[in-house]
C-alpha cells in the first residue's frame, strides 16, 4: 500500500488504494457470507431432528446442561446412565476417586456401542470467562482421554466447555464451587 506523507507526521492512503482496499474487503465479505446457511442439515444417525454440536439429541432424561438451563431444570436429577466427575480448584487432573466413576462410564459405553457421549467441562465462578472456558475444555479432554484409555473409541466421545456459564450452585462457598467444578456426561444416539 502506498502511503503519502501528509502534514505533521500523519499518513494518508491514496484514493485509488483506498478504493481497491474497500473492494477487496467487500469481495471477501460477499464470498464468506455466501457459504453460510440458516438451515442445519440432519446428520445421519442422530435422528430426524438432526444433531448439533451441543448434543441436543440427548438420550431419554439425560439432557445437556444447556437444555436443562433453558428449561429451568439445571441441577435436577436427569436419570442419565453416566455419572459426573469433579475436579480440584484450578486443576484438570482426574482424581483417584473419580477413576472408578469413569471405569463405570466406560463399561456402560462399551456395552452400548450405538451410543456416543458428549463430555461437558464446567468450572466454578472464580476466574475470567476466557480462563474458565480453557479450563473447562481441559477438564472435558482429560475425562475423554481417560475413557479412551479404558477402551472407548475416541470418535464416540466429543467435548465442549461451558466454563463458568452454567452453574449448578450459585452460592459463593467452597462446597458450592466444588459442585460446579465438574465434567458432565451426556449420552447421544
N, C-alpha and C. Protein backbone atom coordinates (compact mmCIF):
# COMPACT_ATOMS: atom_id res chain seq x y z
N UNK A 1 0.85 -1.15 0.00
CA UNK A 1 0.00 0.00 0.00
C UNK A 1 0.91 1.23 0.00
N UNK A 2 0.62 2.17 -0.83
CA UNK A 2 1.44 3.37 -0.92
C UNK A 2 0.90 4.40 0.06
N UNK A 3 1.76 4.87 0.93
CA UNK A 3 1.37 5.90 1.87
C UNK A 3 2.10 7.19 1.50
N UNK A 4 1.39 8.27 1.59
CA UNK A 4 1.97 9.56 1.25
C UNK A 4 2.10 10.39 2.52
N UNK A 5 3.24 11.06 2.71
CA UNK A 5 3.37 11.92 3.89
C UNK A 5 2.37 13.06 3.80
N UNK A 6 1.78 13.41 4.92
CA UNK A 6 0.76 14.43 4.92
C UNK A 6 0.88 15.24 6.20
N UNK A 7 1.07 16.47 6.08
CA UNK A 7 1.06 17.38 7.22
C UNK A 7 2.13 17.08 8.25
N UNK A 8 1.75 17.04 9.48
CA UNK A 8 2.68 16.92 10.60
C UNK A 8 2.87 15.48 11.03
N UNK A 9 3.41 14.66 10.19
CA UNK A 9 3.74 13.29 10.55
C UNK A 9 2.61 12.30 10.33
N UNK A 10 1.42 12.75 9.89
CA UNK A 10 0.33 11.83 9.63
C UNK A 10 0.51 11.16 8.28
N UNK A 11 -0.29 10.16 8.00
CA UNK A 11 -0.20 9.45 6.74
C UNK A 11 -1.57 9.39 6.09
N UNK A 12 -1.58 9.39 4.78
CA UNK A 12 -2.82 9.30 4.02
C UNK A 12 -2.66 8.19 3.00
N UNK A 13 -3.69 7.40 2.82
CA UNK A 13 -3.68 6.37 1.79
C UNK A 13 -4.23 7.00 0.52
N UNK A 14 -3.56 6.77 -0.59
CA UNK A 14 -4.02 7.37 -1.83
C UNK A 14 -5.43 6.89 -2.15
N UNK A 15 -6.21 7.70 -2.86
CA UNK A 15 -7.61 7.42 -3.16
C UNK A 15 -7.77 6.11 -3.92
N UNK A 16 -6.89 5.83 -4.90
CA UNK A 16 -7.00 4.59 -5.67
C UNK A 16 -6.78 3.38 -4.77
N UNK A 17 -5.82 3.46 -3.89
CA UNK A 17 -5.55 2.35 -2.98
C UNK A 17 -6.71 2.15 -2.01
N UNK A 18 -7.32 3.21 -1.56
CA UNK A 18 -8.46 3.10 -0.64
C UNK A 18 -9.62 2.40 -1.33
N UNK A 19 -9.89 2.75 -2.59
CA UNK A 19 -10.97 2.08 -3.34
C UNK A 19 -10.67 0.61 -3.53
N UNK A 20 -9.43 0.29 -3.86
CA UNK A 20 -9.02 -1.10 -4.06
C UNK A 20 -9.17 -1.89 -2.75
N UNK A 21 -8.74 -1.31 -1.65
CA UNK A 21 -8.87 -1.96 -0.34
C UNK A 21 -10.34 -2.18 0.01
N UNK A 22 -11.19 -1.19 -0.22
CA UNK A 22 -12.62 -1.32 0.05
C UNK A 22 -13.24 -2.42 -0.81
N UNK A 23 -12.88 -2.48 -2.08
CA UNK A 23 -13.42 -3.51 -2.97
C UNK A 23 -12.98 -4.89 -2.52
N UNK A 24 -11.74 -5.03 -2.09
CA UNK A 24 -11.24 -6.34 -1.63
C UNK A 24 -11.98 -6.79 -0.36
N UNK A 25 -12.23 -5.87 0.55
CA UNK A 25 -12.96 -6.21 1.77
C UNK A 25 -14.40 -6.61 1.44
N UNK A 26 -15.05 -5.88 0.55
CA UNK A 26 -16.43 -6.20 0.16
C UNK A 26 -16.50 -7.57 -0.50
N UNK A 27 -15.53 -7.88 -1.35
CA UNK A 27 -15.49 -9.17 -2.02
C UNK A 27 -15.31 -10.29 -1.00
N UNK A 28 -14.41 -10.10 -0.04
CA UNK A 28 -14.17 -11.12 0.98
C UNK A 28 -15.43 -11.36 1.81
N UNK A 29 -16.15 -10.30 2.16
CA UNK A 29 -17.39 -10.45 2.92
C UNK A 29 -18.46 -11.16 2.11
N UNK A 30 -18.55 -10.84 0.83
CA UNK A 30 -19.55 -11.48 -0.02
C UNK A 30 -19.26 -12.96 -0.19
N UNK A 31 -18.01 -13.32 -0.40
CA UNK A 31 -17.63 -14.72 -0.57
C UNK A 31 -17.82 -15.48 0.74
N UNK A 32 -17.41 -14.88 1.85
CA UNK A 32 -17.55 -15.53 3.16
C UNK A 32 -19.00 -15.71 3.55
N UNK A 33 -19.84 -14.74 3.27
CA UNK A 33 -21.25 -14.83 3.62
C UNK A 33 -22.02 -15.79 2.74
N UNK A 34 -21.54 -16.05 1.53
CA UNK A 34 -22.24 -16.95 0.62
C UNK A 34 -22.22 -18.38 1.13
N UNK A 35 -21.23 -18.75 1.92
CA UNK A 35 -21.13 -20.12 2.42
C UNK A 35 -22.00 -20.39 3.63
N UNK A 36 -22.60 -19.35 4.21
CA UNK A 36 -23.41 -19.54 5.41
C UNK A 36 -24.81 -19.97 5.03
N UNK A 37 -25.39 -20.78 5.85
CA UNK A 37 -26.75 -21.25 5.62
C UNK A 37 -27.51 -21.16 6.92
N UNK A 38 -28.77 -20.80 6.85
CA UNK A 38 -29.55 -20.66 8.08
C UNK A 38 -30.19 -21.97 8.51
N UNK A 39 -30.24 -22.95 7.64
CA UNK A 39 -30.83 -24.23 7.99
C UNK A 39 -29.74 -25.26 8.24
N UNK A 40 -29.92 -26.03 9.32
CA UNK A 40 -28.97 -27.10 9.58
C UNK A 40 -29.47 -28.37 8.91
N UNK A 41 -28.55 -29.13 8.38
CA UNK A 41 -28.91 -30.37 7.71
C UNK A 41 -28.88 -31.51 8.71
N UNK A 42 -29.81 -32.46 8.61
CA UNK A 42 -29.80 -33.59 9.53
C UNK A 42 -28.52 -34.41 9.36
N UNK A 43 -28.00 -34.88 10.47
CA UNK A 43 -26.82 -35.72 10.46
C UNK A 43 -27.28 -37.15 10.62
N UNK A 44 -26.86 -38.00 9.70
CA UNK A 44 -27.29 -39.39 9.74
C UNK A 44 -26.91 -40.04 11.06
N UNK A 45 -27.84 -40.77 11.62
CA UNK A 45 -27.58 -41.48 12.87
C UNK A 45 -27.96 -40.68 14.10
N UNK A 46 -28.40 -39.42 13.90
CA UNK A 46 -28.76 -38.61 15.05
C UNK A 46 -30.27 -38.38 15.13
N UNK A 47 -31.05 -39.11 14.42
CA UNK A 47 -32.49 -38.96 14.50
C UNK A 47 -33.00 -37.94 13.49
N UNK A 48 -34.31 -37.81 13.40
CA UNK A 48 -34.91 -36.95 12.41
C UNK A 48 -34.63 -35.48 12.65
N UNK A 49 -34.40 -35.10 13.90
CA UNK A 49 -34.17 -33.70 14.21
C UNK A 49 -32.78 -33.23 13.88
N UNK A 50 -31.92 -34.10 13.43
CA UNK A 50 -30.55 -33.71 13.16
C UNK A 50 -29.77 -33.62 14.45
N UNK A 51 -28.60 -33.11 14.35
CA UNK A 51 -27.77 -33.00 15.54
C UNK A 51 -27.22 -31.61 15.67
N UNK A 52 -26.59 -31.34 16.77
CA UNK A 52 -25.92 -30.07 16.97
C UNK A 52 -24.68 -30.32 17.78
N UNK A 53 -23.73 -29.40 17.72
CA UNK A 53 -22.51 -29.60 18.49
C UNK A 53 -22.76 -29.55 19.99
N UNK A 54 -23.93 -29.12 20.42
CA UNK A 54 -24.22 -29.06 21.84
C UNK A 54 -24.87 -30.33 22.33
N UNK A 55 -25.07 -31.31 21.48
CA UNK A 55 -25.60 -32.59 21.91
C UNK A 55 -27.07 -32.54 22.26
N UNK A 56 -27.87 -31.85 21.48
CA UNK A 56 -29.28 -31.71 21.80
C UNK A 56 -30.07 -32.99 21.59
N UNK A 57 -29.46 -34.03 21.07
CA UNK A 57 -30.14 -35.30 20.89
C UNK A 57 -29.84 -36.22 22.07
N UNK A 58 -29.97 -35.71 23.27
CA UNK A 58 -29.70 -36.50 24.46
C UNK A 58 -30.62 -37.69 24.53
N UNK A 59 -30.18 -38.72 25.21
CA UNK A 59 -30.95 -39.96 25.29
C UNK A 59 -31.83 -39.93 26.53
N UNK A 60 -33.11 -40.13 26.36
CA UNK A 60 -34.01 -40.20 27.49
C UNK A 60 -33.97 -38.92 28.31
N UNK A 61 -33.82 -39.06 29.63
CA UNK A 61 -33.82 -37.92 30.51
C UNK A 61 -32.46 -37.26 30.63
N UNK A 62 -31.48 -37.74 29.94
CA UNK A 62 -30.13 -37.20 30.05
C UNK A 62 -29.96 -36.07 29.05
N UNK A 63 -30.22 -34.84 29.48
CA UNK A 63 -30.14 -33.68 28.61
C UNK A 63 -28.85 -32.92 28.88
N UNK A 64 -28.46 -32.12 27.90
CA UNK A 64 -27.27 -31.30 28.08
C UNK A 64 -27.53 -30.27 29.15
N UNK A 65 -26.47 -29.73 29.71
CA UNK A 65 -26.60 -28.68 30.72
C UNK A 65 -27.29 -27.46 30.12
N UNK A 66 -27.00 -27.16 28.86
CA UNK A 66 -27.62 -26.02 28.21
C UNK A 66 -29.13 -26.22 28.09
N UNK A 67 -29.57 -27.41 27.70
CA UNK A 67 -31.00 -27.69 27.62
C UNK A 67 -31.66 -27.58 28.99
N UNK A 68 -31.01 -28.13 30.00
CA UNK A 68 -31.55 -28.05 31.35
C UNK A 68 -31.64 -26.59 31.81
N UNK A 69 -30.62 -25.80 31.51
CA UNK A 69 -30.62 -24.39 31.89
C UNK A 69 -31.77 -23.66 31.21
N UNK A 70 -31.97 -23.92 29.91
CA UNK A 70 -33.03 -23.26 29.16
C UNK A 70 -34.42 -23.64 29.69
N UNK A 71 -34.55 -24.86 30.22
CA UNK A 71 -35.83 -25.32 30.75
C UNK A 71 -35.98 -25.03 32.24
N UNK A 72 -34.96 -24.44 32.85
CA UNK A 72 -35.02 -24.13 34.27
C UNK A 72 -34.85 -25.34 35.17
N UNK A 73 -34.25 -26.42 34.65
CA UNK A 73 -34.10 -27.64 35.44
C UNK A 73 -32.64 -28.00 35.68
N UNK A 74 -31.71 -27.05 35.49
CA UNK A 74 -30.29 -27.35 35.69
C UNK A 74 -30.06 -27.75 37.14
N UNK A 75 -29.44 -28.89 37.33
CA UNK A 75 -29.16 -29.41 38.66
C UNK A 75 -30.16 -30.44 39.12
N UNK A 76 -31.29 -30.54 38.43
CA UNK A 76 -32.27 -31.57 38.77
C UNK A 76 -31.72 -32.91 38.30
N UNK A 77 -32.04 -33.96 38.97
CA UNK A 77 -31.56 -35.29 38.59
C UNK A 77 -32.08 -35.64 37.20
N UNK A 78 -31.16 -35.99 36.30
CA UNK A 78 -31.56 -36.29 34.92
C UNK A 78 -31.78 -37.77 34.69
N UNK A 79 -31.32 -38.60 35.59
CA UNK A 79 -31.54 -40.03 35.42
C UNK A 79 -30.73 -40.64 34.30
N UNK A 80 -29.70 -39.97 33.82
CA UNK A 80 -28.88 -40.50 32.76
C UNK A 80 -28.05 -41.68 33.24
N UNK A 81 -27.56 -42.48 32.31
CA UNK A 81 -26.81 -43.68 32.69
C UNK A 81 -25.36 -43.41 33.10
N UNK A 82 -24.85 -42.21 32.85
CA UNK A 82 -23.45 -41.90 33.15
C UNK A 82 -23.37 -40.90 34.30
N UNK A 83 -22.33 -41.05 35.12
CA UNK A 83 -22.16 -40.19 36.29
C UNK A 83 -21.10 -39.12 36.03
N UNK A 84 -21.27 -37.97 36.69
CA UNK A 84 -20.32 -36.87 36.59
C UNK A 84 -19.09 -37.14 37.45
N UNK A 85 -18.01 -36.46 37.10
CA UNK A 85 -16.82 -36.46 37.96
C UNK A 85 -16.53 -35.02 38.34
N UNK A 86 -15.75 -34.83 39.40
CA UNK A 86 -15.43 -33.48 39.88
C UNK A 86 -13.93 -33.28 39.94
N UNK A 87 -13.53 -32.01 39.98
CA UNK A 87 -12.12 -31.64 39.93
C UNK A 87 -11.77 -30.73 41.09
N UNK A 88 -10.49 -30.70 41.43
CA UNK A 88 -9.99 -29.78 42.44
C UNK A 88 -9.92 -28.38 41.83
N UNK A 89 -9.79 -27.38 42.71
CA UNK A 89 -9.71 -25.99 42.28
C UNK A 89 -8.53 -25.78 41.32
N UNK A 90 -8.79 -25.10 40.22
CA UNK A 90 -7.77 -24.71 39.25
C UNK A 90 -6.98 -25.91 38.74
N UNK A 91 -7.66 -27.05 38.55
CA UNK A 91 -6.99 -28.28 38.14
C UNK A 91 -7.87 -29.05 37.16
N UNK A 92 -7.24 -29.82 36.30
CA UNK A 92 -7.99 -30.66 35.37
C UNK A 92 -7.50 -32.10 35.42
N UNK A 93 -6.84 -32.47 36.50
CA UNK A 93 -6.38 -33.83 36.69
C UNK A 93 -7.52 -34.69 37.22
N UNK A 94 -7.71 -35.87 36.64
CA UNK A 94 -8.74 -36.79 37.12
C UNK A 94 -8.29 -37.32 38.48
N UNK A 95 -9.13 -37.13 39.49
CA UNK A 95 -8.80 -37.57 40.85
C UNK A 95 -8.96 -39.08 40.96
N UNK A 96 -8.20 -39.72 41.86
CA UNK A 96 -8.28 -41.18 42.00
C UNK A 96 -9.70 -41.68 42.29
N UNK A 97 -10.45 -40.97 43.12
CA UNK A 97 -11.81 -41.42 43.44
C UNK A 97 -12.75 -41.33 42.23
N UNK A 98 -12.41 -40.49 41.25
CA UNK A 98 -13.23 -40.38 40.05
C UNK A 98 -12.85 -41.41 38.99
N UNK A 99 -11.72 -42.08 39.18
CA UNK A 99 -11.33 -43.15 38.25
C UNK A 99 -12.36 -44.27 38.22
N UNK A 100 -12.92 -44.61 39.37
CA UNK A 100 -13.95 -45.66 39.44
C UNK A 100 -15.21 -45.24 38.69
N UNK A 101 -15.58 -43.97 38.82
CA UNK A 101 -16.75 -43.44 38.10
C UNK A 101 -16.51 -43.55 36.59
N UNK A 102 -15.32 -43.17 36.15
CA UNK A 102 -15.01 -43.23 34.72
C UNK A 102 -14.94 -44.67 34.22
N UNK A 103 -14.48 -45.59 35.06
CA UNK A 103 -14.48 -47.01 34.66
C UNK A 103 -15.91 -47.51 34.47
N UNK A 104 -16.82 -47.11 35.34
CA UNK A 104 -18.22 -47.50 35.19
C UNK A 104 -18.82 -46.86 33.94
N UNK A 105 -18.50 -45.59 33.69
CA UNK A 105 -18.98 -44.92 32.48
C UNK A 105 -18.45 -45.62 31.22
N UNK A 106 -17.16 -45.97 31.23
CA UNK A 106 -16.56 -46.66 30.07
C UNK A 106 -17.21 -48.02 29.87
N UNK A 107 -17.48 -48.73 30.94
CA UNK A 107 -18.13 -50.03 30.83
C UNK A 107 -19.50 -49.90 30.18
N UNK A 108 -20.27 -48.90 30.60
CA UNK A 108 -21.60 -48.68 30.02
C UNK A 108 -21.46 -48.35 28.53
N UNK A 109 -20.50 -47.51 28.18
CA UNK A 109 -20.31 -47.14 26.78
C UNK A 109 -19.88 -48.33 25.93
N UNK A 110 -19.04 -49.21 26.48
CA UNK A 110 -18.65 -50.40 25.72
C UNK A 110 -19.84 -51.32 25.50
N UNK A 111 -20.74 -51.42 26.49
CA UNK A 111 -21.93 -52.27 26.36
C UNK A 111 -22.99 -51.66 25.43
N UNK A 112 -22.96 -50.37 25.25
CA UNK A 112 -23.93 -49.66 24.40
C UNK A 112 -23.19 -48.98 23.26
N UNK A 113 -22.68 -49.79 22.36
CA UNK A 113 -21.81 -49.30 21.29
C UNK A 113 -22.50 -48.36 20.31
N UNK A 114 -23.83 -48.35 20.26
CA UNK A 114 -24.55 -47.47 19.34
C UNK A 114 -24.61 -46.04 19.87
N UNK A 115 -24.32 -45.83 21.14
CA UNK A 115 -24.40 -44.50 21.75
C UNK A 115 -23.06 -43.81 21.72
N UNK A 116 -23.14 -42.49 21.68
CA UNK A 116 -21.97 -41.64 21.81
C UNK A 116 -22.13 -40.84 23.10
N UNK A 117 -21.10 -40.15 23.47
CA UNK A 117 -21.17 -39.33 24.68
C UNK A 117 -20.52 -37.98 24.43
N UNK A 118 -21.12 -36.96 25.00
CA UNK A 118 -20.51 -35.64 24.98
C UNK A 118 -20.08 -35.31 26.41
N UNK A 119 -18.83 -34.92 26.56
CA UNK A 119 -18.30 -34.56 27.87
C UNK A 119 -18.29 -33.04 27.97
N UNK A 120 -19.02 -32.52 28.94
CA UNK A 120 -19.10 -31.08 29.17
C UNK A 120 -18.14 -30.70 30.30
N UNK A 121 -17.27 -29.74 30.04
CA UNK A 121 -16.36 -29.24 31.08
C UNK A 121 -16.94 -28.00 31.72
N UNK A 122 -17.02 -28.01 33.06
CA UNK A 122 -17.58 -26.89 33.82
C UNK A 122 -16.59 -26.41 34.87
N UNK A 123 -16.72 -25.14 35.28
CA UNK A 123 -15.84 -24.53 36.28
C UNK A 123 -16.67 -23.77 37.30
N UNK A 124 -16.02 -23.38 38.41
CA UNK A 124 -16.71 -22.52 39.37
C UNK A 124 -16.62 -21.07 38.89
N UNK A 125 -17.19 -20.17 39.65
CA UNK A 125 -17.33 -18.78 39.22
C UNK A 125 -16.04 -17.96 39.28
N UNK A 126 -15.01 -18.47 39.92
CA UNK A 126 -13.77 -17.71 40.08
C UNK A 126 -12.95 -17.73 38.79
N UNK A 127 -12.32 -16.62 38.48
CA UNK A 127 -11.50 -16.52 37.27
C UNK A 127 -12.26 -15.87 36.13
N UNK A 128 -11.53 -15.48 35.10
CA UNK A 128 -12.15 -14.82 33.94
C UNK A 128 -12.91 -15.83 33.09
N UNK A 129 -13.78 -15.33 32.24
CA UNK A 129 -14.53 -16.20 31.33
C UNK A 129 -13.59 -16.97 30.43
N UNK A 130 -12.59 -16.29 29.89
CA UNK A 130 -11.65 -16.92 28.97
C UNK A 130 -10.88 -18.04 29.65
N UNK A 131 -10.39 -17.76 30.86
CA UNK A 131 -9.64 -18.76 31.60
C UNK A 131 -10.50 -19.99 31.88
N UNK A 132 -11.74 -19.76 32.31
CA UNK A 132 -12.61 -20.87 32.66
C UNK A 132 -13.08 -21.66 31.44
N UNK A 133 -13.24 -21.02 30.30
CA UNK A 133 -13.56 -21.76 29.07
C UNK A 133 -12.40 -22.70 28.75
N UNK A 134 -11.16 -22.20 28.85
CA UNK A 134 -9.99 -23.04 28.57
C UNK A 134 -9.87 -24.16 29.61
N UNK A 135 -10.09 -23.86 30.88
CA UNK A 135 -10.00 -24.88 31.93
C UNK A 135 -11.10 -25.93 31.76
N UNK A 136 -12.30 -25.50 31.41
CA UNK A 136 -13.39 -26.45 31.16
C UNK A 136 -13.07 -27.38 30.00
N UNK A 137 -12.43 -26.83 28.97
CA UNK A 137 -12.04 -27.65 27.82
C UNK A 137 -10.99 -28.68 28.23
N UNK A 138 -10.05 -28.28 29.08
CA UNK A 138 -9.04 -29.22 29.56
C UNK A 138 -9.66 -30.31 30.43
N UNK A 139 -10.65 -29.96 31.23
CA UNK A 139 -11.32 -30.95 32.07
C UNK A 139 -12.08 -31.95 31.21
N UNK A 140 -12.81 -31.45 30.22
CA UNK A 140 -13.54 -32.35 29.33
C UNK A 140 -12.58 -33.26 28.57
N UNK A 141 -11.47 -32.71 28.10
CA UNK A 141 -10.49 -33.51 27.36
C UNK A 141 -9.83 -34.55 28.25
N UNK A 142 -9.56 -34.19 29.51
CA UNK A 142 -8.95 -35.16 30.45
C UNK A 142 -9.90 -36.33 30.68
N UNK A 143 -11.19 -36.05 30.83
CA UNK A 143 -12.17 -37.12 31.01
C UNK A 143 -12.26 -37.98 29.75
N UNK A 144 -12.25 -37.34 28.58
CA UNK A 144 -12.29 -38.09 27.32
C UNK A 144 -11.07 -38.98 27.19
N UNK A 145 -9.89 -38.43 27.45
CA UNK A 145 -8.66 -39.21 27.35
C UNK A 145 -8.70 -40.42 28.27
N UNK A 146 -9.23 -40.25 29.47
CA UNK A 146 -9.33 -41.36 30.42
C UNK A 146 -10.26 -42.44 29.86
N UNK A 147 -11.41 -42.03 29.30
CA UNK A 147 -12.34 -43.01 28.70
C UNK A 147 -11.67 -43.76 27.55
N UNK A 148 -10.89 -43.04 26.75
CA UNK A 148 -10.22 -43.67 25.61
C UNK A 148 -9.20 -44.71 26.10
N UNK A 149 -8.49 -44.41 27.19
CA UNK A 149 -7.54 -45.39 27.72
C UNK A 149 -8.24 -46.63 28.26
N UNK A 150 -9.54 -46.49 28.55
CA UNK A 150 -10.32 -47.62 29.04
C UNK A 150 -11.03 -48.38 27.91
N UNK A 151 -10.71 -48.04 26.67
CA UNK A 151 -11.23 -48.80 25.54
C UNK A 151 -12.40 -48.18 24.79
N UNK A 152 -12.80 -46.97 25.12
CA UNK A 152 -13.88 -46.30 24.38
C UNK A 152 -13.27 -45.69 23.12
N UNK A 153 -13.91 -45.89 21.99
CA UNK A 153 -13.42 -45.36 20.72
C UNK A 153 -13.47 -43.84 20.75
N UNK A 154 -12.35 -43.16 20.42
CA UNK A 154 -12.30 -41.70 20.50
C UNK A 154 -13.38 -40.99 19.69
N UNK A 155 -13.76 -41.55 18.55
CA UNK A 155 -14.77 -40.90 17.70
C UNK A 155 -16.16 -40.90 18.33
N UNK A 156 -16.36 -41.69 19.37
CA UNK A 156 -17.65 -41.73 20.06
C UNK A 156 -17.76 -40.71 21.18
N UNK A 157 -16.67 -39.98 21.44
CA UNK A 157 -16.65 -39.04 22.55
C UNK A 157 -16.33 -37.65 22.02
N UNK A 158 -17.23 -36.70 22.26
CA UNK A 158 -16.98 -35.30 21.90
C UNK A 158 -16.89 -34.48 23.19
N UNK A 159 -16.30 -33.31 23.08
CA UNK A 159 -16.15 -32.46 24.26
C UNK A 159 -16.65 -31.06 23.97
N UNK A 160 -17.06 -30.38 25.03
CA UNK A 160 -17.46 -28.98 24.95
C UNK A 160 -17.18 -28.35 26.30
N UNK A 161 -16.86 -27.07 26.31
CA UNK A 161 -16.62 -26.36 27.56
C UNK A 161 -17.67 -25.28 27.74
N UNK A 162 -18.27 -25.26 28.91
CA UNK A 162 -19.20 -24.18 29.26
C UNK A 162 -18.55 -23.20 30.24
N UNK A 163 -17.30 -23.46 30.63
CA UNK A 163 -16.62 -22.56 31.56
C UNK A 163 -17.43 -22.39 32.83
N UNK A 164 -17.64 -21.13 33.22
CA UNK A 164 -18.40 -20.84 34.44
C UNK A 164 -19.83 -20.41 34.13
N UNK A 165 -20.29 -20.65 32.92
CA UNK A 165 -21.58 -20.13 32.49
C UNK A 165 -22.79 -20.90 33.02
N UNK A 166 -22.68 -22.20 33.23
CA UNK A 166 -23.85 -23.00 33.65
C UNK A 166 -23.58 -23.61 35.02
N UNK A 167 -23.79 -22.82 36.05
CA UNK A 167 -23.50 -23.21 37.42
C UNK A 167 -24.65 -24.06 38.00
N UNK A 168 -24.28 -25.15 38.67
CA UNK A 168 -25.29 -25.93 39.41
C UNK A 168 -25.69 -25.21 40.68
N UNK A 169 -24.73 -24.59 41.33
CA UNK A 169 -24.93 -23.91 42.60
C UNK A 169 -24.40 -22.49 42.46
N UNK A 170 -25.14 -21.50 42.95
CA UNK A 170 -24.73 -20.11 42.73
C UNK A 170 -24.24 -19.41 44.00
N UNK A 171 -24.14 -20.12 45.10
CA UNK A 171 -23.61 -19.52 46.32
C UNK A 171 -22.09 -19.41 46.21
N UNK A 172 -21.53 -18.43 46.90
CA UNK A 172 -20.07 -18.24 46.87
C UNK A 172 -19.45 -18.93 48.08
N UNK A 173 -19.54 -20.26 48.09
CA UNK A 173 -18.95 -21.07 49.16
C UNK A 173 -18.12 -22.18 48.52
N UNK A 174 -17.18 -22.71 49.29
CA UNK A 174 -16.32 -23.77 48.76
C UNK A 174 -17.13 -25.01 48.36
N UNK A 175 -18.13 -25.38 49.17
CA UNK A 175 -18.91 -26.58 48.82
C UNK A 175 -19.71 -26.37 47.53
N UNK A 176 -20.17 -25.16 47.33
CA UNK A 176 -20.89 -24.85 46.09
C UNK A 176 -19.94 -24.85 44.90
N UNK A 177 -18.79 -24.22 45.06
CA UNK A 177 -17.81 -24.19 43.97
C UNK A 177 -17.38 -25.61 43.60
N UNK A 178 -17.24 -26.48 44.60
CA UNK A 178 -16.83 -27.86 44.33
C UNK A 178 -17.85 -28.59 43.46
N UNK A 179 -19.14 -28.28 43.63
CA UNK A 179 -20.18 -28.90 42.79
C UNK A 179 -20.06 -28.45 41.33
N UNK A 180 -19.61 -27.21 41.13
CA UNK A 180 -19.54 -26.65 39.79
C UNK A 180 -18.31 -27.09 39.01
N UNK A 181 -17.27 -27.52 39.69
CA UNK A 181 -16.04 -27.97 39.01
C UNK A 181 -16.23 -29.42 38.61
N UNK A 182 -16.77 -29.64 37.39
CA UNK A 182 -17.17 -31.00 37.03
C UNK A 182 -17.03 -31.25 35.54
N UNK A 183 -17.07 -32.54 35.21
CA UNK A 183 -17.27 -32.99 33.83
C UNK A 183 -18.59 -33.73 33.83
N UNK A 184 -19.50 -33.26 33.01
CA UNK A 184 -20.85 -33.85 32.91
C UNK A 184 -20.92 -34.67 31.63
N UNK A 185 -21.51 -35.86 31.71
CA UNK A 185 -21.56 -36.78 30.58
C UNK A 185 -22.99 -36.87 30.06
N UNK A 186 -23.14 -36.59 28.77
CA UNK A 186 -24.46 -36.63 28.12
C UNK A 186 -24.43 -37.70 27.04
N UNK A 187 -25.33 -38.67 27.13
CA UNK A 187 -25.37 -39.72 26.11
C UNK A 187 -26.11 -39.22 24.89
N UNK A 188 -25.60 -39.56 23.73
CA UNK A 188 -26.18 -39.18 22.45
C UNK A 188 -26.45 -40.42 21.64
N UNK A 189 -27.42 -40.36 20.76
CA UNK A 189 -27.71 -41.52 19.91
C UNK A 189 -27.18 -41.30 18.53
